[in-house]
Amino acid sequence: MASATALDPVCVFLLLLPLFLQLSPLMAEEPVPCPATWPDQFHSVLFINRSSSLQKVDLWYDWPNGRNFNIIQHQLGVLTYDLEWDNGTSFYYTLHPFNTTCKVVHFDVGILRPNWLDGATFLGHKNVDNFLCNVWEKADFITYYEDVLTQRPVMWVFSSGMVAHVMTFEVGAVLEDTNWQAPVYCFSETDTSSSLLESSIDVSHGTLIRGIPHTAA
């Protein structure tokens, strides 16, 4: 039997070249995505799981006016208001028909800036709530899930264990100015806080949209 003739290396290269050209785009490294900058103003409905309690939150973010509002409905419980200003002041209060209570808290940081996700660490992709999401971690404070197609937020997981599912995200929605005024009893010299407010509001909730110390400057 005649021995097989060795193939010319040049011929082998020419035969395989079309295959290499087809595979090269697939072999190229996928670029790391950038998280979307938040719109200056938006309204979002969140469902929040705090391990032992459920909350529905109407979130109004208003960066141009330096303010943020969380209207928090506790499951079968009190409706509470978390009014945050960029100067670090937060008003936690309840309104009629609940007991009229208020607690004023001062933080060292303002509300989150629209570009607060700059510098976040990209962790890859994950399917969350039926969405394929880009996943970032920011300052050991939050893991942020963003829809790959629309770049809308889908879920936030905080280091405290609190998980927020984003149900709606209305870009440009603005709450009327009359709704941003804390009640007069928040400015009384008398301590207006009560056990009702203390039990329904955990001050750590203020970190939901409060600035992260690493990015607040």
N, C-alpha and C. Protein backbone atom coordinates (compact mmCIF):
# COMPACT_ATOMS: atom_id res chain seq x y z
N MET A 1 0.86 -1.19 0.00
CA MET A 1 0.00 0.00 0.00
C MET A 1 0.88 1.22 0.00
N ALA A 2 0.55 2.16 -0.83
CA ALA A 2 1.36 3.37 -0.92
C ALA A 2 1.13 4.22 0.31
N SER A 3 2.22 4.84 0.79
CA SER A 3 2.10 5.71 1.96
C SER A 3 1.35 6.97 1.59
N ALA A 4 0.61 7.52 2.60
CA ALA A 4 -0.17 8.74 2.36
C ALA A 4 0.76 9.91 2.16
N THR A 5 0.43 10.71 1.21
CA THR A 5 1.23 11.90 0.93
C THR A 5 0.95 12.96 1.99
N ALA A 6 2.03 13.52 2.58
CA ALA A 6 1.86 14.55 3.60
C ALA A 6 1.25 15.80 2.98
N LEU A 7 0.33 16.41 3.70
CA LEU A 7 -0.32 17.63 3.22
C LEU A 7 0.62 18.81 3.39
N ASP A 8 0.61 19.69 2.41
CA ASP A 8 1.40 20.91 2.47
C ASP A 8 0.81 21.81 3.56
N PRO A 9 1.64 22.32 4.49
CA PRO A 9 1.12 23.20 5.55
C PRO A 9 0.36 24.40 5.01
N VAL A 10 0.80 24.92 3.88
CA VAL A 10 0.10 26.07 3.29
C VAL A 10 -1.30 25.68 2.87
N CYS A 11 -1.44 24.48 2.30
CA CYS A 11 -2.77 24.01 1.89
C CYS A 11 -3.68 23.84 3.10
N VAL A 12 -3.11 23.30 4.19
CA VAL A 12 -3.90 23.13 5.42
C VAL A 12 -4.40 24.48 5.92
N PHE A 13 -3.51 25.48 5.91
CA PHE A 13 -3.89 26.82 6.38
C PHE A 13 -5.01 27.39 5.53
N LEU A 14 -4.89 27.24 4.20
CA LEU A 14 -5.90 27.79 3.30
C LEU A 14 -7.24 27.08 3.48
N LEU A 15 -7.19 25.78 3.80
CA LEU A 15 -8.43 25.04 4.01
C LEU A 15 -9.14 25.47 5.30
N LEU A 16 -8.34 25.77 6.32
CA LEU A 16 -8.93 26.11 7.62
C LEU A 16 -9.22 27.60 7.79
N LEU A 17 -8.69 28.44 6.92
CA LEU A 17 -8.86 29.89 7.05
C LEU A 17 -10.32 30.31 7.11
N PRO A 18 -11.21 29.80 6.22
CA PRO A 18 -12.62 30.22 6.33
C PRO A 18 -13.25 29.89 7.68
N LEU A 19 -12.85 28.74 8.26
CA LEU A 19 -13.39 28.38 9.57
C LEU A 19 -12.91 29.35 10.64
N PHE A 20 -11.64 29.73 10.58
CA PHE A 20 -11.11 30.69 11.56
C PHE A 20 -11.83 32.03 11.44
N LEU A 21 -12.11 32.45 10.21
CA LEU A 21 -12.78 33.74 10.01
C LEU A 21 -14.19 33.72 10.57
N GLN A 22 -14.86 32.57 10.49
CA GLN A 22 -16.21 32.46 11.03
C GLN A 22 -16.21 32.45 12.55
N LEU A 23 -15.21 31.84 13.14
CA LEU A 23 -15.18 31.71 14.60
C LEU A 23 -14.59 32.92 15.30
N SER A 24 -13.83 33.74 14.60
CA SER A 24 -13.13 34.84 15.26
C SER A 24 -14.06 35.81 15.98
N PRO A 25 -15.24 36.17 15.43
CA PRO A 25 -16.12 37.06 16.20
C PRO A 25 -16.61 36.41 17.49
N LEU A 26 -16.81 35.08 17.44
CA LEU A 26 -17.29 34.39 18.64
C LEU A 26 -16.20 34.29 19.68
N MET A 27 -14.96 34.25 19.23
CA MET A 27 -13.84 34.12 20.14
C MET A 27 -13.43 35.45 20.74
N ALA A 28 -13.88 36.55 20.14
CA ALA A 28 -13.51 37.86 20.65
C ALA A 28 -14.12 38.06 22.03
N GLU A 29 -13.40 38.72 22.92
CA GLU A 29 -13.88 38.96 24.28
C GLU A 29 -15.05 39.93 24.27
N GLU A 30 -16.11 39.56 24.99
CA GLU A 30 -17.29 40.41 25.06
C GLU A 30 -16.97 41.66 25.87
N PRO A 31 -17.29 42.86 25.37
CA PRO A 31 -16.98 44.09 26.10
C PRO A 31 -17.78 44.17 27.40
N VAL A 32 -17.19 44.76 28.41
CA VAL A 32 -17.87 44.92 29.69
C VAL A 32 -18.88 46.05 29.56
N PRO A 33 -20.17 45.81 29.86
CA PRO A 33 -21.18 46.86 29.73
C PRO A 33 -21.03 47.91 30.82
N CYS A 34 -21.62 49.07 30.57
CA CYS A 34 -21.65 50.15 31.55
C CYS A 34 -23.08 50.31 32.08
N PRO A 35 -23.26 50.46 33.37
CA PRO A 35 -24.61 50.65 33.90
C PRO A 35 -25.18 51.98 33.44
N ALA A 36 -26.48 52.00 33.21
CA ALA A 36 -27.14 53.23 32.75
C ALA A 36 -27.15 54.26 33.87
N THR A 37 -26.92 55.52 33.49
CA THR A 37 -27.09 56.62 34.44
C THR A 37 -28.57 56.80 34.73
N TRP A 38 -28.91 57.01 35.97
CA TRP A 38 -30.31 57.23 36.32
C TRP A 38 -30.85 58.50 35.67
N PRO A 39 -32.10 58.50 35.24
CA PRO A 39 -32.71 59.75 34.78
C PRO A 39 -32.80 60.73 35.94
N ASP A 40 -32.80 62.02 35.64
CA ASP A 40 -32.85 63.03 36.70
C ASP A 40 -34.12 62.94 37.53
N GLN A 41 -35.20 62.49 36.91
CA GLN A 41 -36.48 62.37 37.61
C GLN A 41 -37.18 61.10 37.17
N PHE A 42 -37.71 60.35 38.12
CA PHE A 42 -38.50 59.17 37.77
C PHE A 42 -39.38 58.77 38.94
N HIS A 43 -40.38 57.94 38.63
CA HIS A 43 -41.24 57.33 39.64
C HIS A 43 -41.15 55.82 39.46
N SER A 44 -41.02 55.11 40.56
CA SER A 44 -40.91 53.66 40.51
C SER A 44 -41.71 53.04 41.64
N VAL A 45 -42.35 51.92 41.34
CA VAL A 45 -43.03 51.13 42.37
C VAL A 45 -42.15 49.93 42.69
N LEU A 46 -41.85 49.74 43.96
CA LEU A 46 -40.98 48.66 44.41
C LEU A 46 -41.74 47.76 45.38
N PHE A 47 -41.46 46.47 45.31
CA PHE A 47 -41.88 45.55 46.34
C PHE A 47 -40.62 45.11 47.08
N ILE A 48 -40.62 45.33 48.39
CA ILE A 48 -39.42 45.11 49.19
C ILE A 48 -39.65 44.01 50.21
N ASN A 49 -38.72 43.06 50.22
CA ASN A 49 -38.74 41.97 51.18
C ASN A 49 -37.62 42.20 52.18
N ARG A 50 -38.02 42.34 53.45
CA ARG A 50 -37.04 42.57 54.52
C ARG A 50 -36.96 41.36 55.44
N SER A 51 -37.05 40.19 54.91
CA SER A 51 -36.98 38.90 55.61
C SER A 51 -38.19 38.66 56.50
N SER A 52 -38.53 39.62 57.35
CA SER A 52 -39.67 39.41 58.25
C SER A 52 -40.87 40.28 57.88
N SER A 53 -40.76 41.09 56.83
CA SER A 53 -41.87 41.97 56.46
C SER A 53 -41.84 42.27 54.97
N LEU A 54 -43.00 42.63 54.44
CA LEU A 54 -43.13 43.04 53.04
C LEU A 54 -43.60 44.48 52.99
N GLN A 55 -43.10 45.20 51.97
CA GLN A 55 -43.47 46.60 51.80
C GLN A 55 -43.69 46.90 50.33
N LYS A 56 -44.63 47.78 50.06
CA LYS A 56 -44.79 48.36 48.73
C LYS A 56 -44.36 49.82 48.83
N VAL A 57 -43.43 50.22 47.97
CA VAL A 57 -42.87 51.56 48.06
C VAL A 57 -43.10 52.31 46.75
N ASP A 58 -43.68 53.51 46.87
CA ASP A 58 -43.72 54.45 45.75
C ASP A 58 -42.50 55.34 45.89
N LEU A 59 -41.57 55.20 44.96
CA LEU A 59 -40.32 55.95 45.00
C LEU A 59 -40.38 57.09 43.98
N TRP A 60 -40.19 58.32 44.46
CA TRP A 60 -40.13 59.50 43.59
C TRP A 60 -38.73 60.09 43.71
N TYR A 61 -37.97 60.02 42.62
CA TYR A 61 -36.59 60.53 42.60
C TYR A 61 -36.58 61.84 41.83
N ASP A 62 -36.03 62.89 42.44
CA ASP A 62 -36.06 64.23 41.84
C ASP A 62 -34.71 64.90 42.07
N TRP A 63 -33.72 64.53 41.27
CA TRP A 63 -32.37 65.04 41.45
C TRP A 63 -32.26 66.54 41.23
N PRO A 64 -32.86 67.17 40.21
CA PRO A 64 -32.70 68.61 40.02
C PRO A 64 -33.12 69.43 41.24
N ASN A 65 -34.08 68.93 41.99
CA ASN A 65 -34.55 69.64 43.18
C ASN A 65 -33.97 69.08 44.48
N GLY A 66 -33.01 68.16 44.35
CA GLY A 66 -32.31 67.64 45.51
C GLY A 66 -33.19 66.93 46.52
N ARG A 67 -34.10 66.07 46.03
CA ARG A 67 -35.04 65.43 46.95
C ARG A 67 -35.43 64.05 46.46
N ASN A 68 -35.87 63.24 47.40
CA ASN A 68 -36.32 61.88 47.10
C ASN A 68 -37.41 61.52 48.11
N PHE A 69 -38.42 60.79 47.64
CA PHE A 69 -39.57 60.49 48.49
C PHE A 69 -39.89 59.01 48.39
N ASN A 70 -39.96 58.34 49.54
CA ASN A 70 -40.40 56.95 49.61
C ASN A 70 -41.71 56.90 50.39
N ILE A 71 -42.79 56.51 49.74
CA ILE A 71 -44.08 56.35 50.40
C ILE A 71 -44.28 54.85 50.61
N ILE A 72 -44.28 54.42 51.86
CA ILE A 72 -44.10 53.01 52.20
C ILE A 72 -45.38 52.43 52.80
N GLN A 73 -45.94 51.47 52.09
CA GLN A 73 -47.10 50.74 52.61
C GLN A 73 -46.63 49.41 53.17
N HIS A 74 -46.74 49.26 54.48
CA HIS A 74 -46.38 48.00 55.12
C HIS A 74 -47.54 47.02 54.98
N GLN A 75 -47.23 45.76 54.80
CA GLN A 75 -48.27 44.76 54.58
C GLN A 75 -49.26 44.75 55.75
N LEU A 76 -50.54 45.05 55.42
CA LEU A 76 -51.62 45.10 56.42
C LEU A 76 -51.26 46.02 57.59
N GLY A 77 -50.50 47.08 57.28
CA GLY A 77 -50.04 47.95 58.36
C GLY A 77 -50.09 49.42 58.01
N VAL A 78 -49.18 50.15 58.60
CA VAL A 78 -49.16 51.60 58.54
C VAL A 78 -48.60 52.09 57.21
N LEU A 79 -49.15 53.21 56.72
CA LEU A 79 -48.59 53.92 55.57
C LEU A 79 -47.65 54.99 56.12
N THR A 80 -46.38 54.89 55.78
CA THR A 80 -45.39 55.82 56.31
C THR A 80 -44.70 56.55 55.18
N TYR A 81 -44.13 57.71 55.51
CA TYR A 81 -43.52 58.59 54.52
C TYR A 81 -42.07 58.85 54.90
N ASP A 82 -41.20 58.68 53.93
CA ASP A 82 -39.76 58.91 54.12
C ASP A 82 -39.35 59.97 53.10
N LEU A 83 -39.28 61.22 53.57
CA LEU A 83 -38.97 62.37 52.71
C LEU A 83 -37.51 62.74 52.90
N GLU A 84 -36.71 62.61 51.86
CA GLU A 84 -35.26 62.78 51.95
C GLU A 84 -34.82 64.00 51.14
N TRP A 85 -33.93 64.79 51.74
CA TRP A 85 -33.38 65.97 51.07
C TRP A 85 -31.88 65.81 50.92
N ASP A 86 -31.34 66.48 49.90
CA ASP A 86 -29.92 66.30 49.58
C ASP A 86 -29.01 66.92 50.63
N ASN A 87 -29.55 67.74 51.53
CA ASN A 87 -28.72 68.30 52.61
C ASN A 87 -28.52 67.31 53.75
N GLY A 88 -29.06 66.10 53.60
CA GLY A 88 -28.88 65.06 54.61
C GLY A 88 -30.04 64.90 55.56
N THR A 89 -31.04 65.77 55.46
CA THR A 89 -32.20 65.70 56.35
C THR A 89 -33.26 64.76 55.81
N SER A 90 -33.78 63.90 56.67
CA SER A 90 -34.88 63.01 56.31
C SER A 90 -36.01 63.16 57.33
N PHE A 91 -37.23 63.20 56.83
CA PHE A 91 -38.42 63.24 57.68
C PHE A 91 -39.16 61.91 57.53
N TYR A 92 -39.33 61.21 58.64
CA TYR A 92 -40.11 59.97 58.65
C TYR A 92 -41.41 60.28 59.40
N TYR A 93 -42.54 60.17 58.73
CA TYR A 93 -43.78 60.57 59.40
C TYR A 93 -44.97 59.75 58.94
N THR A 94 -46.04 59.85 59.72
CA THR A 94 -47.32 59.23 59.38
C THR A 94 -48.38 60.32 59.37
N LEU A 95 -49.47 60.07 58.65
CA LEU A 95 -50.56 61.03 58.52
C LEU A 95 -51.87 60.39 58.96
N HIS A 96 -52.88 61.22 59.15
CA HIS A 96 -54.23 60.73 59.43
C HIS A 96 -54.66 59.78 58.30
N PRO A 97 -55.32 58.64 58.59
CA PRO A 97 -55.98 58.28 59.85
C PRO A 97 -55.09 57.59 60.87
N PHE A 98 -53.81 57.42 60.57
CA PHE A 98 -52.90 56.87 61.57
C PHE A 98 -52.50 57.97 62.54
N ASN A 99 -51.89 57.60 63.65
CA ASN A 99 -51.41 58.60 64.58
C ASN A 99 -50.43 59.53 63.88
N THR A 100 -50.56 60.84 64.14
CA THR A 100 -49.68 61.81 63.49
C THR A 100 -48.34 61.83 64.23
N THR A 101 -47.36 61.21 63.64
CA THR A 101 -46.04 61.08 64.25
C THR A 101 -44.97 61.53 63.27
N CYS A 102 -43.83 61.92 63.79
CA CYS A 102 -42.73 62.36 62.92
C CYS A 102 -41.40 62.15 63.62
N LYS A 103 -40.42 61.77 62.83
CA LYS A 103 -39.05 61.64 63.33
C LYS A 103 -38.12 62.27 62.31
N VAL A 104 -37.26 63.18 62.75
CA VAL A 104 -36.31 63.85 61.86
C VAL A 104 -34.93 63.25 62.08
N VAL A 105 -34.28 62.83 61.00
CA VAL A 105 -32.96 62.20 61.08
C VAL A 105 -32.02 62.93 60.13
N HIS A 106 -30.78 63.13 60.58
CA HIS A 106 -29.78 63.80 59.76
C HIS A 106 -28.68 62.80 59.39
N PHE A 107 -28.42 62.69 58.08
CA PHE A 107 -27.39 61.80 57.56
C PHE A 107 -26.18 62.62 57.11
N ASP A 108 -25.04 61.96 57.02
CA ASP A 108 -23.81 62.63 56.58
C ASP A 108 -23.71 62.75 55.07
N VAL A 109 -24.62 62.11 54.36
CA VAL A 109 -24.58 62.12 52.89
C VAL A 109 -25.94 62.53 52.35
N GLY A 110 -25.93 63.02 51.11
CA GLY A 110 -27.18 63.39 50.46
C GLY A 110 -27.79 62.21 49.74
N ILE A 111 -28.72 62.51 48.83
CA ILE A 111 -29.35 61.44 48.06
C ILE A 111 -28.39 60.97 46.96
N LEU A 112 -28.66 59.81 46.40
CA LEU A 112 -27.81 59.27 45.35
C LEU A 112 -27.79 60.18 44.12
N ARG A 113 -26.62 60.34 43.54
CA ARG A 113 -26.49 61.08 42.29
C ARG A 113 -26.91 60.17 41.13
N PRO A 114 -27.32 60.76 40.00
CA PRO A 114 -27.71 59.92 38.85
C PRO A 114 -26.61 58.97 38.39
N ASN A 115 -25.35 59.36 38.57
CA ASN A 115 -24.24 58.51 38.10
C ASN A 115 -23.61 57.70 39.23
N TRP A 116 -24.40 57.40 40.26
CA TRP A 116 -23.84 56.75 41.44
C TRP A 116 -23.28 55.36 41.15
N LEU A 117 -23.66 54.75 40.03
CA LEU A 117 -23.15 53.42 39.69
C LEU A 117 -21.80 53.45 38.98
N ASP A 118 -21.28 54.65 38.70
CA ASP A 118 -19.95 54.73 38.09
C ASP A 118 -18.94 54.02 38.99
N GLY A 119 -18.10 53.21 38.38
CA GLY A 119 -17.09 52.49 39.14
C GLY A 119 -17.56 51.20 39.76
N ALA A 120 -18.82 50.82 39.51
CA ALA A 120 -19.32 49.55 40.05
C ALA A 120 -18.62 48.38 39.38
N THR A 121 -18.50 47.28 40.09
CA THR A 121 -17.85 46.07 39.59
C THR A 121 -18.85 45.21 38.84
N PHE A 122 -18.55 44.90 37.59
CA PHE A 122 -19.44 44.06 36.78
C PHE A 122 -19.24 42.60 37.18
N LEU A 123 -20.35 41.93 37.51
CA LEU A 123 -20.29 40.55 37.97
C LEU A 123 -20.72 39.54 36.92
N GLY A 124 -21.26 40.02 35.78
CA GLY A 124 -21.71 39.11 34.74
C GLY A 124 -23.20 39.23 34.49
N HIS A 125 -23.79 38.15 33.98
CA HIS A 125 -25.21 38.15 33.64
C HIS A 125 -25.96 37.13 34.51
N LYS A 126 -27.23 37.43 34.74
CA LYS A 126 -28.07 36.50 35.50
C LYS A 126 -29.52 36.72 35.14
N ASN A 127 -30.28 35.63 35.07
CA ASN A 127 -31.72 35.73 34.85
C ASN A 127 -32.42 35.99 36.18
N VAL A 128 -33.12 37.13 36.24
CA VAL A 128 -33.81 37.54 37.46
C VAL A 128 -35.21 38.02 37.10
N ASP A 129 -36.22 37.50 37.77
CA ASP A 129 -37.62 37.92 37.54
C ASP A 129 -37.98 37.85 36.06
N ASN A 130 -37.49 36.83 35.37
CA ASN A 130 -37.76 36.61 33.94
C ASN A 130 -37.08 37.63 33.02
N PHE A 131 -36.04 38.30 33.52
CA PHE A 131 -35.26 39.22 32.70
C PHE A 131 -33.80 38.78 32.71
N LEU A 132 -33.14 38.86 31.55
CA LEU A 132 -31.70 38.67 31.50
C LEU A 132 -31.07 39.99 31.93
N CYS A 133 -30.29 39.94 32.99
CA CYS A 133 -29.79 41.17 33.60
C CYS A 133 -28.26 41.24 33.59
N ASN A 134 -27.74 42.45 33.43
CA ASN A 134 -26.37 42.75 33.80
C ASN A 134 -26.36 42.96 35.31
N VAL A 135 -25.30 42.49 35.95
CA VAL A 135 -25.24 42.54 37.41
C VAL A 135 -23.99 43.30 37.84
N TRP A 136 -24.17 44.28 38.74
CA TRP A 136 -23.05 45.04 39.28
C TRP A 136 -23.09 45.02 40.80
N GLU A 137 -21.91 45.18 41.39
CA GLU A 137 -21.80 45.37 42.83
C GLU A 137 -21.16 46.72 43.08
N LYS A 138 -21.72 47.46 44.03
CA LYS A 138 -21.21 48.80 44.33
C LYS A 138 -20.85 48.91 45.80
N ALA A 139 -19.59 49.13 46.06
CA ALA A 139 -19.08 49.49 47.39
C ALA A 139 -19.53 48.54 48.50
N ASP A 140 -19.66 47.25 48.20
CA ASP A 140 -20.11 46.27 49.20
C ASP A 140 -21.42 46.69 49.85
N PHE A 141 -22.19 47.50 49.13
CA PHE A 141 -23.44 48.06 49.66
C PHE A 141 -24.66 47.48 48.97
N ILE A 142 -24.55 47.27 47.66
CA ILE A 142 -25.71 46.85 46.89
C ILE A 142 -25.27 46.02 45.69
N THR A 143 -26.07 45.01 45.35
CA THR A 143 -25.94 44.30 44.08
C THR A 143 -27.11 44.74 43.22
N TYR A 144 -26.79 45.25 42.04
CA TYR A 144 -27.76 45.96 41.20
C TYR A 144 -27.99 45.17 39.91
N TYR A 145 -29.24 44.84 39.63
CA TYR A 145 -29.60 44.05 38.45
C TYR A 145 -30.33 44.95 37.46
N GLU A 146 -29.83 44.98 36.21
CA GLU A 146 -30.37 45.87 35.18
C GLU A 146 -30.69 45.07 33.92
N ASP A 147 -31.88 45.27 33.38
CA ASP A 147 -32.31 44.57 32.18
C ASP A 147 -31.34 44.85 31.03
N VAL A 148 -30.84 43.78 30.41
CA VAL A 148 -29.86 43.93 29.33
C VAL A 148 -30.44 44.73 28.16
N LEU A 149 -31.70 44.49 27.81
CA LEU A 149 -32.29 45.11 26.63
C LEU A 149 -32.66 46.58 26.84
N THR A 150 -33.28 46.90 27.97
CA THR A 150 -33.80 48.26 28.18
C THR A 150 -32.95 49.09 29.12
N GLN A 151 -32.05 48.45 29.86
CA GLN A 151 -31.21 49.08 30.88
C GLN A 151 -32.05 49.67 32.03
N ARG A 152 -33.26 49.18 32.19
CA ARG A 152 -34.06 49.57 33.35
C ARG A 152 -33.69 48.70 34.54
N PRO A 153 -33.71 49.24 35.75
CA PRO A 153 -33.42 48.42 36.93
C PRO A 153 -34.49 47.36 37.13
N VAL A 154 -34.08 46.19 37.58
CA VAL A 154 -35.00 45.06 37.80
C VAL A 154 -35.05 44.67 39.27
N MET A 155 -33.89 44.61 39.91
CA MET A 155 -33.84 44.20 41.31
C MET A 155 -32.61 44.79 41.97
N TRP A 156 -32.74 45.13 43.27
CA TRP A 156 -31.62 45.59 44.08
C TRP A 156 -31.53 44.69 45.30
N VAL A 157 -30.34 44.21 45.60
CA VAL A 157 -30.11 43.41 46.80
C VAL A 157 -29.10 44.15 47.66
N PHE A 158 -29.52 44.54 48.86
CA PHE A 158 -28.67 45.33 49.74
C PHE A 158 -27.88 44.43 50.68
N SER A 159 -26.76 44.94 51.16
CA SER A 159 -25.91 44.16 52.06
C SER A 159 -26.63 43.82 53.36
N SER A 160 -27.65 44.60 53.70
CA SER A 160 -28.44 44.33 54.91
C SER A 160 -29.35 43.11 54.75
N GLY A 161 -29.48 42.62 53.51
CA GLY A 161 -30.39 41.51 53.23
C GLY A 161 -31.70 41.94 52.61
N MET A 162 -31.95 43.25 52.58
CA MET A 162 -33.17 43.76 51.98
C MET A 162 -33.13 43.59 50.46
N VAL A 163 -34.23 43.10 49.88
CA VAL A 163 -34.33 42.86 48.44
C VAL A 163 -35.48 43.70 47.89
N ALA A 164 -35.20 44.49 46.86
CA ALA A 164 -36.22 45.34 46.23
C ALA A 164 -36.44 44.89 44.79
N HIS A 165 -37.68 44.54 44.46
CA HIS A 165 -38.06 44.19 43.10
C HIS A 165 -38.72 45.40 42.45
N VAL A 166 -38.22 45.81 41.29
CA VAL A 166 -38.72 47.00 40.60
C VAL A 166 -39.90 46.60 39.72
N MET A 167 -41.09 47.11 40.05
CA MET A 167 -42.31 46.75 39.32
C MET A 167 -42.60 47.71 38.18
N THR A 168 -42.36 49.01 38.39
CA THR A 168 -42.54 50.01 37.34
C THR A 168 -41.38 50.99 37.39
N PHE A 169 -41.11 51.64 36.25
CA PHE A 169 -40.02 52.61 36.18
C PHE A 169 -40.42 53.67 35.15
N GLU A 170 -41.00 54.79 35.64
CA GLU A 170 -41.54 55.84 34.78
C GLU A 170 -40.54 57.00 34.70
N VAL A 171 -39.82 57.07 33.60
CA VAL A 171 -38.83 58.12 33.41
C VAL A 171 -39.52 59.46 33.20
N GLY A 172 -39.07 60.48 33.92
CA GLY A 172 -39.61 61.83 33.75
C GLY A 172 -40.82 62.14 34.61
N ALA A 173 -41.35 61.16 35.32
CA ALA A 173 -42.52 61.40 36.18
C ALA A 173 -42.10 62.26 37.37
N VAL A 174 -42.94 63.26 37.69
CA VAL A 174 -42.62 64.21 38.76
C VAL A 174 -43.82 64.35 39.70
N LEU A 175 -43.56 64.28 40.99
CA LEU A 175 -44.60 64.48 42.00
C LEU A 175 -44.77 65.98 42.24
N GLU A 176 -46.02 66.43 42.33
CA GLU A 176 -46.29 67.86 42.50
C GLU A 176 -45.65 68.40 43.77
N ASP A 177 -45.21 69.66 43.70
CA ASP A 177 -44.48 70.28 44.80
C ASP A 177 -45.24 70.25 46.12
N THR A 178 -46.56 70.36 46.08
CA THR A 178 -47.34 70.40 47.31
C THR A 178 -47.20 69.12 48.13
N ASN A 179 -46.80 68.04 47.49
CA ASN A 179 -46.65 66.76 48.19
C ASN A 179 -45.30 66.60 48.89
N TRP A 180 -44.41 67.56 48.67
CA TRP A 180 -43.07 67.44 49.22
C TRP A 180 -42.91 68.16 50.56
N GLN A 181 -43.98 68.68 51.11
CA GLN A 181 -43.90 69.41 52.36
C GLN A 181 -44.17 68.49 53.55
N ALA A 182 -43.21 68.38 54.45
CA ALA A 182 -43.43 67.60 55.66
C ALA A 182 -44.48 68.29 56.52
N PRO A 183 -45.27 67.54 57.29
CA PRO A 183 -46.31 68.16 58.12
C PRO A 183 -45.73 69.08 59.18
N VAL A 184 -46.56 70.02 59.62
CA VAL A 184 -46.09 71.06 60.54
C VAL A 184 -45.57 70.48 61.84
N TYR A 185 -46.12 69.34 62.28
CA TYR A 185 -45.67 68.78 63.55
C TYR A 185 -44.26 68.19 63.48
N CYS A 186 -43.71 68.08 62.27
CA CYS A 186 -42.30 67.67 62.16
C CYS A 186 -41.36 68.79 62.61
N PHE A 187 -41.88 70.02 62.67
CA PHE A 187 -41.04 71.17 63.01
C PHE A 187 -41.32 71.68 64.42
N SER A 188 -42.10 70.92 65.18
CA SER A 188 -42.39 71.28 66.56
C SER A 188 -41.19 70.99 67.43
N GLU A 189 -41.02 71.79 68.47
CA GLU A 189 -39.91 71.56 69.40
C GLU A 189 -40.14 70.31 70.24
N THR A 190 -41.40 69.86 70.26
CA THR A 190 -41.73 68.67 71.03
C THR A 190 -41.32 67.43 70.26
N ASP A 191 -40.89 66.41 70.95
CA ASP A 191 -40.55 65.14 70.30
C ASP A 191 -41.83 64.48 69.82
N THR A 192 -41.98 64.37 68.50
CA THR A 192 -43.22 63.85 67.93
C THR A 192 -43.11 62.38 67.55
N SER A 193 -41.98 61.76 67.80
CA SER A 193 -41.85 60.35 67.45
C SER A 193 -42.63 59.51 68.45
N SER A 194 -43.00 58.32 68.04
CA SER A 194 -43.77 57.44 68.91
C SER A 194 -43.40 56.00 68.63
N SER A 195 -43.90 55.09 69.48
CA SER A 195 -43.61 53.68 69.27
C SER A 195 -44.19 53.19 67.96
N LEU A 196 -45.31 53.79 67.52
CA LEU A 196 -45.91 53.41 66.24
C LEU A 196 -44.94 53.68 65.11
N LEU A 197 -44.35 54.87 65.11
CA LEU A 197 -43.42 55.21 64.04
C LEU A 197 -42.15 54.38 64.15
N GLU A 198 -41.65 54.22 65.36
CA GLU A 198 -40.41 53.47 65.55
C GLU A 198 -40.57 52.04 65.07
N SER A 199 -41.74 51.45 65.27
CA SER A 199 -41.94 50.06 64.87
C SER A 199 -42.16 49.91 63.38
N SER A 200 -42.65 50.97 62.72
CA SER A 200 -42.97 50.85 61.30
C SER A 200 -41.86 51.37 60.40
N ILE A 201 -40.93 52.15 60.95
CA ILE A 201 -39.84 52.71 60.15
C ILE A 201 -38.51 52.30 60.77
N ASP A 202 -37.72 51.64 60.00
CA ASP A 202 -36.35 51.35 60.38
C ASP A 202 -35.50 52.42 59.71
N VAL A 203 -34.79 53.22 60.51
CA VAL A 203 -34.03 54.33 59.93
C VAL A 203 -33.05 53.86 58.88
N SER A 204 -32.61 52.60 58.96
CA SER A 204 -31.69 52.08 57.95
C SER A 204 -32.34 52.07 56.57
N HIS A 205 -33.70 52.13 56.53
CA HIS A 205 -34.38 52.20 55.24
C HIS A 205 -33.94 53.44 54.48
N GLY A 206 -33.49 54.47 55.23
CA GLY A 206 -33.07 55.70 54.57
C GLY A 206 -31.90 55.51 53.64
N THR A 207 -31.18 54.41 53.77
CA THR A 207 -30.06 54.16 52.88
C THR A 207 -30.52 53.66 51.52
N LEU A 208 -31.84 53.48 51.34
CA LEU A 208 -32.33 52.99 50.06
C LEU A 208 -31.89 53.91 48.93
N ILE A 209 -32.07 55.22 49.10
CA ILE A 209 -31.66 56.17 48.07
C ILE A 209 -30.71 57.20 48.64
N ARG A 210 -30.27 57.03 49.88
CA ARG A 210 -29.24 57.91 50.42
C ARG A 210 -27.92 57.60 49.73
N GLY A 211 -27.07 58.60 49.63
CA GLY A 211 -25.80 58.43 48.95
C GLY A 211 -24.91 57.41 49.63
N ILE A 212 -24.17 56.68 48.84
CA ILE A 212 -23.16 55.77 49.36
C ILE A 212 -21.95 56.61 49.75
N PRO A 213 -21.40 56.46 50.95
CA PRO A 213 -20.30 57.31 51.38
C PRO A 213 -19.17 57.42 50.38
N HIS A 214 -18.86 56.36 49.65
CA HIS A 214 -17.75 56.37 48.69
C HIS A 214 -18.05 57.26 47.49
N THR A 215 -19.34 57.55 47.23
CA THR A 215 -19.69 58.24 45.99
C THR A 215 -20.45 59.53 46.24
N ALA A 216 -20.61 59.92 47.49
CA ALA A 216 -21.44 61.08 47.78
C ALA A 216 -20.70 62.38 47.56
N ALA A 217 -19.37 62.38 47.56
CA ALA A 217 -18.62 63.62 47.43
C ALA A 217 -18.73 64.17 46.03
